[in-house]
Amino acid sequence: MTSRKTPSKSSPSSPRRKPTRGSRLRGPQARRVALAKVKDDLSRYLRLAEAREIVITRHGRPAGVLIGFQSDEDWFEYQLERNPEFLSRIDRGSAEIQQGLGVRLEDVPLSKSGLTKR
């Protein structure tokens, strides 16, 4: 007779991050394509890059990444994710909230036309 397996007491594996628009976490792994092939058919590879990033290789080694966008919104979000000023403002806001300096949405005064200026 075998004994019942007890669940592990160690922490479970890290949860998988969900991809966001413009996120590079699109698929299991980026597709690797030689530079010569990309040069010969750039339009095709741009379309493919909308679904998952393409690593461009030179002599078998990674040389760059081709990233495609399905919409203008995807492009805008990609830019925001890499804008140092925007990221800094997000970090400052998060720190203020942790210090209790934030304002709850329920406490924001409303007017007939929407939010009011303070």
C-alpha atoms as a PDB file:
ATOM      1  CA  MET A   1       0.000   0.000   0.000  1.00  0.00           C
ATOM      2  CA  THR A   2       1.356   3.433  -0.905  1.00  0.00           C
ATOM      3  CA  SER A   3       1.076   6.482   1.295  1.00  0.00           C
ATOM      4  CA  ARG A   4      -0.845   9.552   0.193  1.00  0.00           C
ATOM      5  CA  LYS A   5       1.223  12.361  -1.167  1.00  0.00           C
ATOM      6  CA  THR A   6       1.093  15.500   0.919  1.00  0.00           C
ATOM      7  CA  PRO A   7       1.215  18.869  -0.763  1.00  0.00           C
ATOM      8  CA  SER A   8       4.570  20.595  -0.833  1.00  0.00           C
ATOM      9  CA  LYS A   9       5.147  23.221   1.843  1.00  0.00           C
ATOM     10  CA  SER A  10       7.473  25.173  -0.388  1.00  0.00           C
ATOM     11  CA  SER A  11       6.095  28.170  -2.214  1.00  0.00           C
ATOM     12  CA  PRO A  12       4.486  27.476  -5.575  1.00  0.00           C
ATOM     13  CA  SER A  13       6.197  28.541  -8.771  1.00  0.00           C
ATOM     14  CA  SER A  14       5.990  32.198  -9.613  1.00  0.00           C
ATOM     15  CA  PRO A  15       2.719  32.994 -11.349  1.00  0.00           C
ATOM     16  CA  ARG A  16       3.012  33.740 -15.030  1.00  0.00           C
ATOM     17  CA  ARG A  17       2.759  37.392 -15.895  1.00  0.00           C
ATOM     18  CA  LYS A  18      -0.087  38.209 -18.206  1.00  0.00           C
ATOM     19  CA  PRO A  19       0.862  40.095 -21.352  1.00  0.00           C
ATOM     20  CA  THR A  20      -0.288  43.671 -21.737  1.00  0.00           C
ATOM     21  CA  ARG A  21      -0.695  45.548 -24.957  1.00  0.00           C
ATOM     22  CA  GLY A  22       2.708  46.254 -26.429  1.00  0.00           C
ATOM     23  CA  SER A  23       4.174  43.802 -23.979  1.00  0.00           C
ATOM     24  CA  ARG A  24       7.024  41.618 -25.082  1.00  0.00           C
ATOM     25  CA  LEU A  25       5.545  38.654 -23.219  1.00  0.00           C
ATOM     26  CA  ARG A  26       3.585  37.512 -26.232  1.00  0.00           C
ATOM     27  CA  GLY A  27       4.456  33.938 -26.860  1.00  0.00           C
ATOM     28  CA  PRO A  28       6.487  31.072 -25.620  1.00  0.00           C
ATOM     29  CA  GLN A  29       9.638  32.354 -27.260  1.00  0.00           C
ATOM     30  CA  ALA A  30      10.644  34.939 -29.828  1.00  0.00           C
ATOM     31  CA  ARG A  31      11.170  33.739 -33.362  1.00  0.00           C
ATOM     32  CA  ARG A  32      14.775  33.904 -34.569  1.00  0.00           C
ATOM     33  CA  VAL A  33      15.397  34.929 -38.174  1.00  0.00           C
ATOM     34  CA  ALA A  34      18.614  35.649 -40.058  1.00  0.00           C
ATOM     35  CA  LEU A  35      19.198  39.257 -41.076  1.00  0.00           C
ATOM     36  CA  ALA A  36      19.444  38.312 -44.752  1.00  0.00           C
ATOM     37  CA  LYS A  37      15.914  36.847 -44.676  1.00  0.00           C
ATOM     38  CA  VAL A  38      14.494  39.909 -42.946  1.00  0.00           C
ATOM     39  CA  LYS A  39      16.129  42.206 -45.488  1.00  0.00           C
ATOM     40  CA  ASP A  40      14.634  40.194 -48.339  1.00  0.00           C
ATOM     41  CA  ASP A  41      11.077  40.276 -46.975  1.00  0.00           C
ATOM     42  CA  LEU A  42      10.730  43.020 -44.347  1.00  0.00           C
ATOM     43  CA  SER A  43       6.976  43.531 -44.866  1.00  0.00           C
ATOM     44  CA  ARG A  44       6.260  39.883 -44.119  1.00  0.00           C
ATOM     45  CA  TYR A  45       8.331  39.913 -40.947  1.00  0.00           C
ATOM     46  CA  LEU A  46       6.703  43.147 -39.743  1.00  0.00           C
ATOM     47  CA  ARG A  47       3.309  41.435 -40.035  1.00  0.00           C
ATOM     48  CA  LEU A  48       4.624  38.393 -38.164  1.00  0.00           C
ATOM     49  CA  ALA A  49       6.092  40.661 -35.474  1.00  0.00           C
ATOM     50  CA  GLU A  50       2.588  41.915 -34.629  1.00  0.00           C
ATOM     51  CA  ALA A  51       1.903  38.515 -33.054  1.00  0.00           C
ATOM     52  CA  ARG A  52       5.316  37.872 -31.467  1.00  0.00           C
ATOM     53  CA  GLU A  53       8.677  39.570 -31.466  1.00  0.00           C
ATOM     54  CA  ILE A  54      11.348  38.476 -33.897  1.00  0.00           C
ATOM     55  CA  VAL A  55      14.996  38.281 -32.921  1.00  0.00           C
ATOM     56  CA  ILE A  56      17.149  39.172 -35.910  1.00  0.00           C
ATOM     57  CA  THR A  57      20.410  37.281 -35.987  1.00  0.00           C
ATOM     58  CA  ARG A  58      23.703  38.088 -37.668  1.00  0.00           C
ATOM     59  CA  HIS A  59      26.003  35.111 -38.134  1.00  0.00           C
ATOM     60  CA  GLY A  60      23.733  33.131 -35.799  1.00  0.00           C
ATOM     61  CA  ARG A  61      23.975  35.610 -32.922  1.00  0.00           C
ATOM     62  CA  PRO A  62      21.194  37.970 -31.780  1.00  0.00           C
ATOM     63  CA  ALA A  63      21.682  41.402 -33.327  1.00  0.00           C
ATOM     64  CA  GLY A  64      18.322  43.118 -32.841  1.00  0.00           C
ATOM     65  CA  VAL A  65      14.615  42.719 -32.237  1.00  0.00           C
ATOM     66  CA  LEU A  66      11.769  43.452 -34.614  1.00  0.00           C
ATOM     67  CA  ILE A  67       8.604  44.527 -32.806  1.00  0.00           C
ATOM     68  CA  GLY A  68       5.303  44.995 -34.618  1.00  0.00           C
ATOM     69  CA  PHE A  69       2.178  46.825 -33.438  1.00  0.00           C
ATOM     70  CA  GLN A  70      -1.386  45.920 -34.311  1.00  0.00           C
ATOM     71  CA  SER A  71      -2.727  49.415 -33.622  1.00  0.00           C
ATOM     72  CA  ASP A  72      -1.758  52.978 -32.798  1.00  0.00           C
ATOM     73  CA  GLU A  73      -2.821  52.255 -29.221  1.00  0.00           C
ATOM     74  CA  ASP A  74      -0.261  49.437 -29.002  1.00  0.00           C
ATOM     75  CA  TRP A  75       2.438  51.848 -30.239  1.00  0.00           C
ATOM     76  CA  PHE A  76       1.383  54.503 -27.711  1.00  0.00           C
ATOM     77  CA  GLU A  77       1.465  52.012 -24.813  1.00  0.00           C
ATOM     78  CA  TYR A  78       4.871  50.714 -25.940  1.00  0.00           C
ATOM     79  CA  GLN A  79       6.217  54.268 -25.810  1.00  0.00           C
ATOM     80  CA  LEU A  80       4.723  54.886 -22.355  1.00  0.00           C
ATOM     81  CA  GLU A  81       6.240  51.694 -20.968  1.00  0.00           C
ATOM     82  CA  ARG A  82       9.681  52.980 -21.914  1.00  0.00           C
ATOM     83  CA  ASN A  83       9.300  56.685 -21.079  1.00  0.00           C
ATOM     84  CA  PRO A  84      11.548  57.472 -18.071  1.00  0.00           C
ATOM     85  CA  GLU A  85       9.515  60.538 -17.034  1.00  0.00           C
ATOM     86  CA  PHE A  86       6.233  58.606 -17.074  1.00  0.00           C
ATOM     87  CA  LEU A  87       7.754  55.684 -15.155  1.00  0.00           C
ATOM     88  CA  SER A  88       9.178  58.099 -12.587  1.00  0.00           C
ATOM     89  CA  ARG A  89       5.740  59.678 -12.049  1.00  0.00           C
ATOM     90  CA  ILE A  90       4.201  56.231 -11.587  1.00  0.00           C
ATOM     91  CA  ASP A  91       6.871  55.329  -9.005  1.00  0.00           C
ATOM     92  CA  ARG A  92       6.313  58.616  -7.100  1.00  0.00           C
ATOM     93  CA  GLY A  93       2.550  58.065  -7.107  1.00  0.00           C
ATOM     94  CA  SER A  94       2.916  54.505  -5.834  1.00  0.00           C
ATOM     95  CA  ALA A  95       5.207  55.679  -3.039  1.00  0.00           C
ATOM     96  CA  GLU A  96       2.712  58.401  -2.028  1.00  0.00           C
ATOM     97  CA  ILE A  97      -0.125  55.875  -1.912  1.00  0.00           C
ATOM     98  CA  GLN A  98       1.951  53.556   0.297  1.00  0.00           C
ATOM     99  CA  GLN A  99       2.567  56.509   2.642  1.00  0.00           C
ATOM    100  CA  GLY A 100      -1.181  57.158   2.859  1.00  0.00           C
ATOM    101  CA  LEU A 101      -1.008  60.371   0.841  1.00  0.00           C
ATOM    102  CA  GLY A 102      -3.359  59.211  -1.911  1.00  0.00           C
ATOM    103  CA  VAL A 103      -7.011  60.123  -2.347  1.00  0.00           C
ATOM    104  CA  ARG A 104      -9.615  57.387  -2.618  1.00  0.00           C
ATOM    105  CA  LEU A 105     -11.701  57.540  -5.777  1.00  0.00           C
ATOM    106  CA  GLU A 106     -14.849  57.661  -3.633  1.00  0.00           C
ATOM    107  CA  ASP A 107     -13.523  60.876  -2.030  1.00  0.00           C
ATOM    108  CA  VAL A 108     -13.014  62.746  -5.311  1.00  0.00           C
ATOM    109  CA  PRO A 109     -15.749  65.390  -5.601  1.00  0.00           C
ATOM    110  CA  LEU A 110     -18.015  65.131  -8.630  1.00  0.00           C
ATOM    111  CA  SER A 111     -19.969  67.811 -10.439  1.00  0.00           C
ATOM    112  CA  LYS A 112     -22.761  67.396 -12.971  1.00  0.00           C
ATOM    113  CA  SER A 113     -20.190  67.466 -15.788  1.00  0.00           C
ATOM    114  CA  GLY A 114     -17.798  65.032 -14.122  1.00  0.00           C
ATOM    115  CA  LEU A 115     -14.704  65.556 -11.990  1.00  0.00           C
ATOM    116  CA  THR A 116     -14.104  69.009 -10.523  1.00  0.00           C
ATOM    117  CA  LYS A 117     -10.799  70.776 -10.133  1.00  0.00           C
ATOM    118  CA  ARG A 118      -9.530  71.288  -6.632  1.00  0.00           C
END
